[in-house]
Amino acid sequence: MSQMTVFYDGACPLCTREIGLLRRLETRDRLQFLDISPPGADAFCPIPQKQLMARFHVQLANGEIVDGAQAFTEAWSQIPYLVWLRPLGRWAPTRWLLNRVYGAFLTIRPSLQKLIGRLVS
């Protein structure tokens, strides 16, 4: 069975909540989740840790690493409840829009991380 690797920031409360949801929904054991937040993670990261921490990345079963909207739709395609989103993410106009929304989210992510961190602690 082919697996896809999902790279995530385990030190980010927002990210760990999202990954927790993906873990609960993913029932076919096709996603492997790799926390890339520990110091020294560059030793086991296929690309620089800083680059992985900046945007959402997945490594496909063939070894290709994708990010942004494509990474989300590839991960969603492995989850029975979300597989219907994959065609939307592969359609160029929707992918363009998803990447713009994701880019806007990344600008407010640090503030959301702080807020979520305070709420959970």
PDB file of N, CA and C in Angstrom:
ATOM      1  N   MET A   1       0.843  -1.172   0.000  1.00  0.00           N
ATOM      2  CA  MET A   1       0.000   0.000   0.000  1.00  0.00           C
ATOM      3  C   MET A   1       0.891   1.239   0.000  1.00  0.00           C
ATOM      4  N   SER A   2       0.594   2.177  -0.872  1.00  0.00           N
ATOM      5  CA  SER A   2       1.406   3.382  -0.933  1.00  0.00           C
ATOM      6  C   SER A   2       0.986   4.362   0.147  1.00  0.00           C
ATOM      7  N   GLN A   3       1.978   5.036   0.706  1.00  0.00           N
ATOM      8  CA  GLN A   3       1.706   6.024   1.739  1.00  0.00           C
ATOM      9  C   GLN A   3       2.187   7.386   1.299  1.00  0.00           C
ATOM     10  N   MET A   4       1.496   8.375   1.801  1.00  0.00           N
ATOM     11  CA  MET A   4       1.838   9.758   1.591  1.00  0.00           C
ATOM     12  C   MET A   4       2.281  10.287   2.948  1.00  0.00           C
ATOM     13  N   THR A   5       3.332  11.109   2.974  1.00  0.00           N
ATOM     14  CA  THR A   5       3.808  11.679   4.228  1.00  0.00           C
ATOM     15  C   THR A   5       3.317  13.108   4.356  1.00  0.00           C
ATOM     16  N   VAL A   6       2.670  13.398   5.471  1.00  0.00           N
ATOM     17  CA  VAL A   6       2.179  14.735   5.782  1.00  0.00           C
ATOM     18  C   VAL A   6       3.144  15.340   6.795  1.00  0.00           C
ATOM     19  N   PHE A   7       3.774  16.444   6.431  1.00  0.00           N
ATOM     20  CA  PHE A   7       4.701  17.132   7.326  1.00  0.00           C
ATOM     21  C   PHE A   7       3.912  18.197   8.094  1.00  0.00           C
ATOM     22  N   TYR A   8       4.100  18.241   9.406  1.00  0.00           N
ATOM     23  CA  TYR A   8       3.356  19.230  10.187  1.00  0.00           C
ATOM     24  C   TYR A   8       4.194  19.769  11.337  1.00  0.00           C
ATOM     25  N   ASP A   9       3.799  20.945  11.796  1.00  0.00           N
ATOM     26  CA  ASP A   9       4.466  21.629  12.896  1.00  0.00           C
ATOM     27  C   ASP A   9       3.823  21.185  14.201  1.00  0.00           C
ATOM     28  N   GLY A  10       4.436  20.235  14.874  1.00  0.00           N
ATOM     29  CA  GLY A  10       3.898  19.712  16.125  1.00  0.00           C
ATOM     30  C   GLY A  10       3.952  20.695  17.277  1.00  0.00           C
ATOM     31  N   ALA A  11       4.677  21.803  17.117  1.00  0.00           N
ATOM     32  CA  ALA A  11       4.736  22.829  18.158  1.00  0.00           C
ATOM     33  C   ALA A  11       3.633  23.872  17.979  1.00  0.00           C
ATOM     34  N   CYS A  12       2.882  23.766  16.923  1.00  0.00           N
ATOM     35  CA  CYS A  12       1.805  24.721  16.620  1.00  0.00           C
ATOM     36  C   CYS A  12       0.472  24.123  17.062  1.00  0.00           C
ATOM     37  N   PRO A  13      -0.202  24.745  18.048  1.00  0.00           N
ATOM     38  CA  PRO A  13      -1.478  24.199  18.512  1.00  0.00           C
ATOM     39  C   PRO A  13      -2.534  24.113  17.407  1.00  0.00           C
ATOM     40  N   LEU A  14      -2.546  25.085  16.524  1.00  0.00           N
ATOM     41  CA  LEU A  14      -3.500  25.086  15.416  1.00  0.00           C
ATOM     42  C   LEU A  14      -3.222  23.910  14.474  1.00  0.00           C
ATOM     43  N   CYS A  15      -1.947  23.725  14.150  1.00  0.00           N
ATOM     44  CA  CYS A  15      -1.551  22.637  13.247  1.00  0.00           C
ATOM     45  C   CYS A  15      -1.865  21.267  13.855  1.00  0.00           C
ATOM     46  N   THR A  16      -1.574  21.101  15.138  1.00  0.00           N
ATOM     47  CA  THR A  16      -1.811  19.796  15.765  1.00  0.00           C
ATOM     48  C   THR A  16      -3.304  19.486  15.835  1.00  0.00           C
ATOM     49  N   ARG A  17      -4.133  20.503  15.961  1.00  0.00           N
ATOM     50  CA  ARG A  17      -5.586  20.268  15.937  1.00  0.00           C
ATOM     51  C   ARG A  17      -6.032  19.807  14.548  1.00  0.00           C
ATOM     52  N   GLU A  18      -5.518  20.471  13.512  1.00  0.00           N
ATOM     53  CA  GLU A  18      -5.850  20.075  12.135  1.00  0.00           C
ATOM     54  C   GLU A  18      -5.381  18.656  11.840  1.00  0.00           C
ATOM     55  N   ILE A  19      -4.168  18.342  12.252  1.00  0.00           N
ATOM     56  CA  ILE A  19      -3.613  17.006  12.020  1.00  0.00           C
ATOM     57  C   ILE A  19      -4.402  15.969  12.813  1.00  0.00           C
ATOM     58  N   GLY A  20      -4.820  16.327  14.028  1.00  0.00           N
ATOM     59  CA  GLY A  20      -5.644  15.428  14.829  1.00  0.00           C
ATOM     60  C   GLY A  20      -6.928  15.069  14.104  1.00  0.00           C
ATOM     61  N   LEU A  21      -7.540  16.059  13.468  1.00  0.00           N
ATOM     62  CA  LEU A  21      -8.762  15.806  12.700  1.00  0.00           C
ATOM     63  C   LEU A  21      -8.468  14.885  11.519  1.00  0.00           C
ATOM     64  N   LEU A  22      -7.384  15.159  10.795  1.00  0.00           N
ATOM     65  CA  LEU A  22      -7.026  14.291   9.666  1.00  0.00           C
ATOM     66  C   LEU A  22      -6.771  12.863  10.131  1.00  0.00           C
ATOM     67  N   ARG A  23      -6.094  12.720  11.265  1.00  0.00           N
ATOM     68  CA  ARG A  23      -5.818  11.374  11.798  1.00  0.00           C
ATOM     69  C   ARG A  23      -7.119  10.618  12.103  1.00  0.00           C
ATOM     70  N   ARG A  24      -8.078  11.325  12.669  1.00  0.00           N
ATOM     71  CA  ARG A  24      -9.353  10.670  13.010  1.00  0.00           C
ATOM     72  C   ARG A  24     -10.148  10.283  11.761  1.00  0.00           C
ATOM     73  N   LEU A  25     -10.069  11.108  10.729  1.00  0.00           N
ATOM     74  CA  LEU A  25     -10.838  10.840   9.516  1.00  0.00           C
ATOM     75  C   LEU A  25     -10.175   9.822   8.595  1.00  0.00           C
ATOM     76  N   GLU A  26      -8.851   9.731   8.649  1.00  0.00           N
ATOM     77  CA  GLU A  26      -8.100   8.847   7.761  1.00  0.00           C
ATOM     78  C   GLU A  26      -8.183   7.417   8.303  1.00  0.00           C
ATOM     79  N   THR A  27      -8.885   6.577   7.581  1.00  0.00           N
ATOM     80  CA  THR A  27      -9.154   5.225   8.074  1.00  0.00           C
ATOM     81  C   THR A  27      -8.443   4.132   7.275  1.00  0.00           C
ATOM     82  N   ARG A  28      -7.738   4.508   6.220  1.00  0.00           N
ATOM     83  CA  ARG A  28      -7.147   3.489   5.346  1.00  0.00           C
ATOM     84  C   ARG A  28      -5.632   3.360   5.495  1.00  0.00           C
ATOM     85  N   ASP A  29      -5.071   4.029   6.481  1.00  0.00           N
ATOM     86  CA  ASP A  29      -3.637   3.951   6.769  1.00  0.00           C
ATOM     87  C   ASP A  29      -2.784   4.316   5.552  1.00  0.00           C
ATOM     88  N   ARG A  30      -3.200   5.347   4.838  1.00  0.00           N
ATOM     89  CA  ARG A  30      -2.445   5.795   3.670  1.00  0.00           C
ATOM     90  C   ARG A  30      -1.657   7.073   3.943  1.00  0.00           C
ATOM     91  N   LEU A  31      -1.889   7.683   5.093  1.00  0.00           N
ATOM     92  CA  LEU A  31      -1.164   8.896   5.451  1.00  0.00           C
ATOM     93  C   LEU A  31      -0.232   8.621   6.620  1.00  0.00           C
ATOM     94  N   GLN A  32       0.981   9.047   6.466  1.00  0.00           N
ATOM     95  CA  GLN A  32       1.960   8.984   7.550  1.00  0.00           C
ATOM     96  C   GLN A  32       2.177  10.436   7.978  1.00  0.00           C
ATOM     97  N   PHE A  33       2.110  10.711   9.278  1.00  0.00           N
ATOM     98  CA  PHE A  33       2.244  12.061   9.785  1.00  0.00           C
ATOM     99  C   PHE A  33       3.616  12.215  10.428  1.00  0.00           C
ATOM    100  N   LEU A  34       4.352  13.260  10.026  1.00  0.00           N
ATOM    101  CA  LEU A  34       5.699  13.470  10.520  1.00  0.00           C
ATOM    102  C   LEU A  34       5.818  14.876  11.112  1.00  0.00           C
ATOM    103  N   ASP A  35       6.050  14.936  12.420  1.00  0.00           N
ATOM    104  CA  ASP A  35       6.246  16.202  13.117  1.00  0.00           C
ATOM    105  C   ASP A  35       7.639  16.711  12.797  1.00  0.00           C
ATOM    106  N   ILE A  36       7.702  17.870  12.144  1.00  0.00           N
ATOM    107  CA  ILE A  36       8.989  18.402  11.728  1.00  0.00           C
ATOM    108  C   ILE A  36       9.416  19.583  12.598  1.00  0.00           C
ATOM    109  N   SER A  37       8.802  19.732  13.782  1.00  0.00           N
ATOM    110  CA  SER A  37       9.122  20.867  14.647  1.00  0.00           C
ATOM    111  C   SER A  37      10.344  20.689  15.543  1.00  0.00           C
ATOM    112  N   PRO A  38      10.745  19.466  15.905  1.00  0.00           N
ATOM    113  CA  PRO A  38      11.877  19.357  16.835  1.00  0.00           C
ATOM    114  C   PRO A  38      13.171  19.932  16.261  1.00  0.00           C
ATOM    115  N   PRO A  39      13.990  20.521  17.141  1.00  0.00           N
ATOM    116  CA  PRO A  39      15.314  20.963  16.676  1.00  0.00           C
ATOM    117  C   PRO A  39      16.059  19.767  16.081  1.00  0.00           C
ATOM    118  N   GLY A  40      16.762  20.017  15.011  1.00  0.00           N
ATOM    119  CA  GLY A  40      17.514  18.941  14.364  1.00  0.00           C
ATOM    120  C   GLY A  40      16.694  18.121  13.386  1.00  0.00           C
ATOM    121  N   ALA A  41      15.455  18.535  13.134  1.00  0.00           N
ATOM    122  CA  ALA A  41      14.604  17.779  12.213  1.00  0.00           C
ATOM    123  C   ALA A  41      15.160  17.771  10.795  1.00  0.00           C
ATOM    124  N   ASP A  42      16.043  18.709  10.497  1.00  0.00           N
ATOM    125  CA  ASP A  42      16.660  18.711   9.163  1.00  0.00           C
ATOM    126  C   ASP A  42      17.320  17.372   8.841  1.00  0.00           C
ATOM    127  N   ALA A  43      17.721  16.652   9.883  1.00  0.00           N
ATOM    128  CA  ALA A  43      18.386  15.357   9.676  1.00  0.00           C
ATOM    129  C   ALA A  43      17.462  14.340   9.017  1.00  0.00           C
ATOM    130  N   PHE A  44      16.142  14.467   9.230  1.00  0.00           N
ATOM    131  CA  PHE A  44      15.222  13.497   8.618  1.00  0.00           C
ATOM    132  C   PHE A  44      14.213  14.134   7.663  1.00  0.00           C
ATOM    133  N   CYS A  45      14.351  15.430   7.411  1.00  0.00           N
ATOM    134  CA  CYS A  45      13.454  16.118   6.475  1.00  0.00           C
ATOM    135  C   CYS A  45      14.023  16.039   5.059  1.00  0.00           C
ATOM    136  N   PRO A  46      13.178  15.783   4.070  1.00  0.00           N
ATOM    137  CA  PRO A  46      13.665  15.676   2.697  1.00  0.00           C
ATOM    138  C   PRO A  46      14.032  17.029   2.082  1.00  0.00           C
ATOM    139  N   ILE A  47      13.516  18.120   2.638  1.00  0.00           N
ATOM    140  CA  ILE A  47      13.876  19.479   2.245  1.00  0.00           C
ATOM    141  C   ILE A  47      14.101  20.246   3.543  1.00  0.00           C
ATOM    142  N   PRO A  48      14.709  21.427   3.488  1.00  0.00           N
ATOM    143  CA  PRO A  48      15.011  22.136   4.733  1.00  0.00           C
ATOM    144  C   PRO A  48      13.792  22.330   5.651  1.00  0.00           C
ATOM    145  N   GLN A  49      14.018  22.119   6.942  1.00  0.00           N
ATOM    146  CA  GLN A  49      12.973  22.226   7.950  1.00  0.00           C
ATOM    147  C   GLN A  49      12.267  23.580   7.861  1.00  0.00           C
ATOM    148  N   LYS A  50      13.025  24.639   7.691  1.00  0.00           N
ATOM    149  CA  LYS A  50      12.447  25.980   7.619  1.00  0.00           C
ATOM    150  C   LYS A  50      11.445  26.083   6.464  1.00  0.00           C
ATOM    151  N   GLN A  51      11.770  25.478   5.353  1.00  0.00           N
ATOM    152  CA  GLN A  51      10.872  25.476   4.194  1.00  0.00           C
ATOM    153  C   GLN A  51       9.600  24.678   4.497  1.00  0.00           C
ATOM    154  N   LEU A  52       9.751  23.533   5.163  1.00  0.00           N
ATOM    155  CA  LEU A  52       8.585  22.721   5.524  1.00  0.00           C
ATOM    156  C   LEU A  52       7.686  23.445   6.528  1.00  0.00           C
ATOM    157  N   MET A  53       8.289  24.224   7.434  1.00  0.00           N
ATOM    158  CA  MET A  53       7.520  24.914   8.470  1.00  0.00           C
ATOM    159  C   MET A  53       6.753  26.114   7.901  1.00  0.00           C
ATOM    160  N   ALA A  54       7.173  26.633   6.764  1.00  0.00           N
ATOM    161  CA  ALA A  54       6.573  27.836   6.202  1.00  0.00           C
ATOM    162  C   ALA A  54       5.228  27.586   5.526  1.00  0.00           C
ATOM    163  N   ARG A  55       5.054  26.400   4.972  1.00  0.00           N
ATOM    164  CA  ARG A  55       3.817  26.053   4.243  1.00  0.00           C
ATOM    165  C   ARG A  55       3.512  24.579   4.476  1.00  0.00           C
ATOM    166  N   PHE A  56       2.277  24.194   4.206  1.00  0.00           N
ATOM    167  CA  PHE A  56       1.865  22.800   4.325  1.00  0.00           C
ATOM    168  C   PHE A  56       2.463  22.010   3.167  1.00  0.00           C
ATOM    169  N   HIS A  57       3.137  20.897   3.489  1.00  0.00           N
ATOM    170  CA  HIS A  57       3.767  20.032   2.487  1.00  0.00           C
ATOM    171  C   HIS A  57       3.355  18.582   2.703  1.00  0.00           C
ATOM    172  N   VAL A  58       3.273  17.844   1.603  1.00  0.00           N
ATOM    173  CA  VAL A  58       3.151  16.392   1.663  1.00  0.00           C
ATOM    174  C   VAL A  58       4.126  15.800   0.660  1.00  0.00           C
ATOM    175  N   GLN A  59       4.584  14.604   0.978  1.00  0.00           N
ATOM    176  CA  GLN A  59       5.427  13.856   0.049  1.00  0.00           C
ATOM    177  C   GLN A  59       4.581  12.710  -0.486  1.00  0.00           C
ATOM    178  N   LEU A  60       4.392  12.705  -1.792  1.00  0.00           N
ATOM    179  CA  LEU A  60       3.589  11.671  -2.436  1.00  0.00           C
ATOM    180  C   LEU A  60       4.327  10.342  -2.400  1.00  0.00           C
ATOM    181  N   ALA A  61       3.605   9.280  -2.654  1.00  0.00           N
ATOM    182  CA  ALA A  61       4.194   7.937  -2.630  1.00  0.00           C
ATOM    183  C   ALA A  61       5.356   7.807  -3.612  1.00  0.00           C
ATOM    184  N   ASN A  62       5.339   8.592  -4.688  1.00  0.00           N
ATOM    185  CA  ASN A  62       6.425   8.529  -5.680  1.00  0.00           C
ATOM    186  C   ASN A  62       7.631   9.378  -5.285  1.00  0.00           C
ATOM    187  N   GLY A  63       7.571  10.043  -4.110  1.00  0.00           N
ATOM    188  CA  GLY A  63       8.684  10.849  -3.616  1.00  0.00           C
ATOM    189  C   GLY A  63       8.562  12.332  -3.904  1.00  0.00           C
ATOM    190  N   GLU A  64       7.651  12.706  -4.793  1.00  0.00           N
ATOM    191  CA  GLU A  64       7.471  14.126  -5.118  1.00  0.00           C
ATOM    192  C   GLU A  64       6.906  14.871  -3.899  1.00  0.00           C
ATOM    193  N   ILE A  65       7.419  16.077  -3.661  1.00  0.00           N
ATOM    194  CA  ILE A  65       6.939  16.903  -2.559  1.00  0.00           C
ATOM    195  C   ILE A  65       6.136  18.059  -3.146  1.00  0.00           C
ATOM    196  N   VAL A  66       4.913  18.208  -2.653  1.00  0.00           N
ATOM    197  CA  VAL A  66       4.039  19.290  -3.103  1.00  0.00           C
ATOM    198  C   VAL A  66       3.623  20.112  -1.891  1.00  0.00           C
ATOM    199  N   ASP A  67       3.221  21.357  -2.151  1.00  0.00           N
ATOM    200  CA  ASP A  67       2.822  22.222  -1.043  1.00  0.00           C
ATOM    201  C   ASP A  67       1.550  22.987  -1.379  1.00  0.00           C
ATOM    202  N   GLY A  68       1.085  23.765  -0.395  1.00  0.00           N
ATOM    203  CA  GLY A  68      -0.073  24.618  -0.603  1.00  0.00           C
ATOM    204  C   GLY A  68      -1.342  23.830  -0.909  1.00  0.00           C
ATOM    205  N   ALA A  69      -2.143  24.396  -1.818  1.00  0.00           N
ATOM    206  CA  ALA A  69      -3.428  23.795  -2.165  1.00  0.00           C
ATOM    207  C   ALA A  69      -3.272  22.373  -2.693  1.00  0.00           C
ATOM    208  N   GLN A  70      -2.241  22.140  -3.481  1.00  0.00           N
ATOM    209  CA  GLN A  70      -2.051  20.789  -4.008  1.00  0.00           C
ATOM    210  C   GLN A  70      -1.776  19.802  -2.879  1.00  0.00           C
ATOM    211  N   ALA A  71      -1.003  20.226  -1.877  1.00  0.00           N
ATOM    212  CA  ALA A  71      -0.717  19.341  -0.746  1.00  0.00           C
ATOM    213  C   ALA A  71      -1.993  19.001   0.020  1.00  0.00           C
ATOM    214  N   PHE A  72      -2.820  20.011   0.261  1.00  0.00           N
ATOM    215  CA  PHE A  72      -4.079  19.754   0.956  1.00  0.00           C
ATOM    216  C   PHE A  72      -4.957  18.791   0.169  1.00  0.00           C
ATOM    217  N   THR A  73      -5.116  19.039  -1.127  1.00  0.00           N
ATOM    218  CA  THR A  73      -6.014  18.180  -1.902  1.00  0.00           C
ATOM    219  C   THR A  73      -5.462  16.762  -2.040  1.00  0.00           C
ATOM    220  N   GLU A  74      -4.151  16.621  -2.109  1.00  0.00           N
ATOM    221  CA  GLU A  74      -3.568  15.271  -2.162  1.00  0.00           C
ATOM    222  C   GLU A  74      -3.838  14.538  -0.844  1.00  0.00           C
ATOM    223  N   ALA A  75      -3.665  15.220   0.282  1.00  0.00           N
ATOM    224  CA  ALA A  75      -3.939  14.586   1.579  1.00  0.00           C
ATOM    225  C   ALA A  75      -5.428  14.263   1.698  1.00  0.00           C
ATOM    226  N   TRP A  76      -6.275  15.207   1.330  1.00  0.00           N
ATOM    227  CA  TRP A  76      -7.718  14.970   1.411  1.00  0.00           C
ATOM    228  C   TRP A  76      -8.142  13.784   0.558  1.00  0.00           C
ATOM    229  N   SER A  77      -7.444  13.569  -0.564  1.00  0.00           N
ATOM    230  CA  SER A  77      -7.826  12.478  -1.463  1.00  0.00           C
ATOM    231  C   SER A  77      -7.664  11.104  -0.810  1.00  0.00           C
ATOM    232  N   GLN A  78      -6.932  11.030   0.285  1.00  0.00           N
ATOM    233  CA  GLN A  78      -6.721   9.764   0.984  1.00  0.00           C
ATOM    234  C   GLN A  78      -7.762   9.518   2.079  1.00  0.00           C
ATOM    235  N   ILE A  79      -8.647  10.488   2.272  1.00  0.00           N
ATOM    236  CA  ILE A  79      -9.646  10.406   3.336  1.00  0.00           C
ATOM    237  C   ILE A  79     -11.025  10.220   2.699  1.00  0.00           C
ATOM    238  N   PRO A  80     -11.684   9.109   3.001  1.00  0.00           N
ATOM    239  CA  PRO A  80     -12.962   8.828   2.338  1.00  0.00           C
ATOM    240  C   PRO A  80     -13.969   9.983   2.384  1.00  0.00           C
ATOM    241  N   TYR A  81     -14.051  10.684   3.510  1.00  0.00           N
ATOM    242  CA  TYR A  81     -15.030  11.765   3.636  1.00  0.00           C
ATOM    243  C   TYR A  81     -14.647  13.013   2.852  1.00  0.00           C
ATOM    244  N   LEU A  82     -13.387  13.132   2.471  1.00  0.00           N
ATOM    245  CA  LEU A  82     -12.915  14.344   1.805  1.00  0.00           C
ATOM    246  C   LEU A  82     -12.444  14.124   0.373  1.00  0.00           C
ATOM    247  N   VAL A  83     -12.474  12.892  -0.095  1.00  0.00           N
ATOM    248  CA  VAL A  83     -11.950  12.577  -1.421  1.00  0.00           C
ATOM    249  C   VAL A  83     -12.639  13.401  -2.521  1.00  0.00           C
ATOM    250  N   TRP A  84     -13.873  13.804  -2.316  1.00  0.00           N
ATOM    251  CA  TRP A  84     -14.607  14.586  -3.312  1.00  0.00           C
ATOM    252  C   TRP A  84     -13.980  15.966  -3.548  1.00  0.00           C
ATOM    253  N   LEU A  85     -13.128  16.427  -2.613  1.00  0.00           N
ATOM    254  CA  LEU A  85     -12.486  17.732  -2.761  1.00  0.00           C
ATOM    255  C   LEU A  85     -11.299  17.695  -3.740  1.00  0.00           C
ATOM    256  N   ARG A  86     -10.774  16.524  -3.996  1.00  0.00           N
ATOM    257  CA  ARG A  86      -9.584  16.416  -4.849  1.00  0.00           C
ATOM    258  C   ARG A  86      -9.784  17.025  -6.241  1.00  0.00           C
ATOM    259  N   PRO A  87     -10.884  16.724  -6.938  1.00  0.00           N
ATOM    260  CA  PRO A  87     -11.054  17.336  -8.264  1.00  0.00           C
ATOM    261  C   PRO A  87     -11.103  18.865  -8.204  1.00  0.00           C
ATOM    262  N   LEU A  88     -11.681  19.400  -7.134  1.00  0.00           N
ATOM    263  CA  LEU A  88     -11.717  20.856  -7.002  1.00  0.00           C
ATOM    264  C   LEU A  88     -10.309  21.431  -6.905  1.00  0.00           C
ATOM    265  N   GLY A  89      -9.455  20.762  -6.151  1.00  0.00           N
ATOM    266  CA  GLY A  89      -8.086  21.227  -5.998  1.00  0.00           C
ATOM    267  C   GLY A  89      -7.224  21.023  -7.226  1.00  0.00           C
ATOM    268  N   ARG A  90      -7.634  20.156  -8.094  1.00  0.00           N
ATOM    269  CA  ARG A  90      -6.864  19.911  -9.320  1.00  0.00           C
ATOM    270  C   ARG A  90      -7.306  20.822 -10.467  1.00  0.00           C
ATOM    271  N   TRP A  91      -8.460  21.448 -10.329  1.00  0.00           N
ATOM    272  CA  TRP A  91      -8.964  22.372 -11.344  1.00  0.00           C
ATOM    273  C   TRP A  91      -8.237  23.697 -11.150  1.00  0.00           C
ATOM    274  N   ALA A  92      -7.567  24.191 -12.180  1.00  0.00           N
ATOM    275  CA  ALA A  92      -6.676  25.357 -12.068  1.00  0.00           C
ATOM    276  C   ALA A  92      -7.329  26.581 -11.410  1.00  0.00           C
ATOM    277  N   PRO A  93      -8.541  26.985 -11.793  1.00  0.00           N
ATOM    278  CA  PRO A  93      -9.121  28.175 -11.146  1.00  0.00           C
ATOM    279  C   PRO A  93      -9.365  27.984  -9.640  1.00  0.00           C
ATOM    280  N   THR A  94      -9.809  26.796  -9.257  1.00  0.00           N
ATOM    281  CA  THR A  94     -10.052  26.538  -7.835  1.00  0.00           C
ATOM    282  C   THR A  94      -8.731  26.452  -7.091  1.00  0.00           C
ATOM    283  N   ARG A  95      -7.737  25.814  -7.690  1.00  0.00           N
ATOM    284  CA  ARG A  95      -6.415  25.709  -7.059  1.00  0.00           C
ATOM    285  C   ARG A  95      -5.813  27.101  -6.861  1.00  0.00           C
ATOM    286  N   TRP A  96      -5.975  27.977  -7.861  1.00  0.00           N
ATOM    287  CA  TRP A  96      -5.492  29.353  -7.749  1.00  0.00           C
ATOM    288  C   TRP A  96      -6.166  30.037  -6.562  1.00  0.00           C
ATOM    289  N   LEU A  97      -7.486  29.895  -6.462  1.00  0.00           N
ATOM    290  CA  LEU A  97      -8.233  30.518  -5.362  1.00  0.00           C
ATOM    291  C   LEU A  97      -7.814  29.935  -4.011  1.00  0.00           C
ATOM    292  N   LEU A  98      -7.698  28.612  -3.936  1.00  0.00           N
ATOM    293  CA  LEU A  98      -7.282  27.970  -2.684  1.00  0.00           C
ATOM    294  C   LEU A  98      -5.888  28.438  -2.255  1.00  0.00           C
ATOM    295  N   ASN A  99      -4.988  28.596  -3.211  1.00  0.00           N
ATOM    296  CA  ASN A  99      -3.651  29.086  -2.881  1.00  0.00           C
ATOM    297  C   ASN A  99      -3.681  30.528  -2.381  1.00  0.00           C
ATOM    298  N   ARG A 100      -4.549  31.348  -2.926  1.00  0.00           N
ATOM    299  CA  ARG A 100      -4.680  32.743  -2.463  1.00  0.00           C
ATOM    300  C   ARG A 100      -5.258  32.773  -1.047  1.00  0.00           C
ATOM    301  N   VAL A 101      -6.274  31.966  -0.794  1.00  0.00           N
ATOM    302  CA  VAL A 101      -6.864  31.902   0.544  1.00  0.00           C
ATOM    303  C   VAL A 101      -5.834  31.372   1.542  1.00  0.00           C
ATOM    304  N   TYR A 102      -5.099  30.342   1.144  1.00  0.00           N
ATOM    305  CA  TYR A 102      -4.068  29.777   2.017  1.00  0.00           C
ATOM    306  C   TYR A 102      -2.968  30.807   2.294  1.00  0.00           C
ATOM    307  N   GLY A 103      -2.580  31.555   1.287  1.00  0.00           N
ATOM    308  CA  GLY A 103      -1.577  32.606   1.468  1.00  0.00           C
ATOM    309  C   GLY A 103      -2.046  33.651   2.471  1.00  0.00           C
ATOM    310  N   ALA A 104      -3.327  34.033   2.386  1.00  0.00           N
ATOM    311  CA  ALA A 104      -3.883  34.996   3.346  1.00  0.00           C
ATOM    312  C   ALA A 104      -3.891  34.386   4.748  1.00  0.00           C
ATOM    313  N   PHE A 105      -4.254  33.111   4.838  1.00  0.00           N
ATOM    314  CA  PHE A 105      -4.244  32.432   6.128  1.00  0.00           C
ATOM    315  C   PHE A 105      -2.843  32.441   6.738  1.00  0.00           C
ATOM    316  N   LEU A 106      -1.825  32.221   5.914  1.00  0.00           N
ATOM    317  CA  LEU A 106      -0.455  32.173   6.432  1.00  0.00           C
ATOM    318  C   LEU A 106      -0.037  33.499   7.064  1.00  0.00           C
ATOM    319  N   THR A 107      -0.607  34.604   6.579  1.00  0.00           N
ATOM    320  CA  THR A 107      -0.250  35.900   7.164  1.00  0.00           C
ATOM    321  C   THR A 107      -0.849  36.079   8.562  1.00  0.00           C
ATOM    322  N   ILE A 108      -1.989  35.430   8.823  1.00  0.00           N
ATOM    323  CA  ILE A 108      -2.604  35.563  10.151  1.00  0.00           C
ATOM    324  C   ILE A 108      -2.323  34.349  11.043  1.00  0.00           C
ATOM    325  N   ARG A 109      -1.645  33.350  10.482  1.00  0.00           N
ATOM    326  CA  ARG A 109      -1.355  32.125  11.238  1.00  0.00           C
ATOM    327  C   ARG A 109      -0.639  32.379  12.564  1.00  0.00           C
ATOM    328  N   PRO A 110       0.397  33.222  12.609  1.00  0.00           N
ATOM    329  CA  PRO A 110       1.064  33.443  13.901  1.00  0.00           C
ATOM    330  C   PRO A 110       0.110  33.959  14.989  1.00  0.00           C
ATOM    331  N   SER A 111      -0.787  34.858  14.616  1.00  0.00           N
ATOM    332  CA  SER A 111      -1.755  35.374  15.594  1.00  0.00           C
ATOM    333  C   SER A 111      -2.724  34.287  16.029  1.00  0.00           C
ATOM    334  N   LEU A 112      -3.165  33.463  15.080  1.00  0.00           N
ATOM    335  CA  LEU A 112      -4.066  32.368  15.419  1.00  0.00           C
ATOM    336  C   LEU A 112      -3.386  31.340  16.299  1.00  0.00           C
ATOM    337  N   GLN A 113      -2.100  31.083  16.041  1.00  0.00           N
ATOM    338  CA  GLN A 113      -1.337  30.136  16.867  1.00  0.00           C
ATOM    339  C   GLN A 113      -1.300  30.610  18.319  1.00  0.00           C
ATOM    340  N   LYS A 114      -1.041  31.898  18.505  1.00  0.00           N
ATOM    341  CA  LYS A 114      -0.997  32.453  19.861  1.00  0.00           C
ATOM    342  C   LYS A 114      -2.355  32.346  20.542  1.00  0.00           C
ATOM    343  N   LEU A 115      -3.409  32.680  19.804  1.00  0.00           N
ATOM    344  CA  LEU A 115      -4.762  32.621  20.355  1.00  0.00           C
ATOM    345  C   LEU A 115      -5.126  31.188  20.740  1.00  0.00           C
ATOM    346  N   ILE A 116      -4.919  30.262  19.848  1.00  0.00           N
ATOM    347  CA  ILE A 116      -5.239  28.853  20.118  1.00  0.00           C
ATOM    348  C   ILE A 116      -4.391  28.344  21.283  1.00  0.00           C
ATOM    349  N   GLY A 117      -3.113  28.746  21.298  1.00  0.00           N
ATOM    350  CA  GLY A 117      -2.222  28.336  22.396  1.00  0.00           C
ATOM    351  C   GLY A 117      -2.738  28.800  23.747  1.00  0.00           C
ATOM    352  N   ARG A 118      -3.254  30.021  23.799  1.00  0.00           N
ATOM    353  CA  ARG A 118      -3.803  30.524  25.064  1.00  0.00           C
ATOM    354  C   ARG A 118      -5.092  29.812  25.437  1.00  0.00           C
ATOM    355  N   LEU A 119      -5.902  29.481  24.448  1.00  0.00           N
ATOM    356  CA  LEU A 119      -7.176  28.808  24.735  1.00  0.00           C
ATOM    357  C   LEU A 119      -6.988  27.381  25.231  1.00  0.00           C
ATOM    358  N   VAL A 120      -5.959  26.704  24.706  1.00  0.00           N
ATOM    359  CA  VAL A 120      -5.753  25.309  25.071  1.00  0.00           C
ATOM    360  C   VAL A 120      -4.937  25.152  26.345  1.00  0.00           C
ATOM    361  N   SER A 121      -4.163  26.127  26.699  1.00  0.00           N
ATOM    362  CA  SER A 121      -3.327  25.965  27.890  1.00  0.00           C
ATOM    363  C   SER A 121      -4.020  26.416  29.162  1.00  0.00           C
TER     364      SER A 121
END
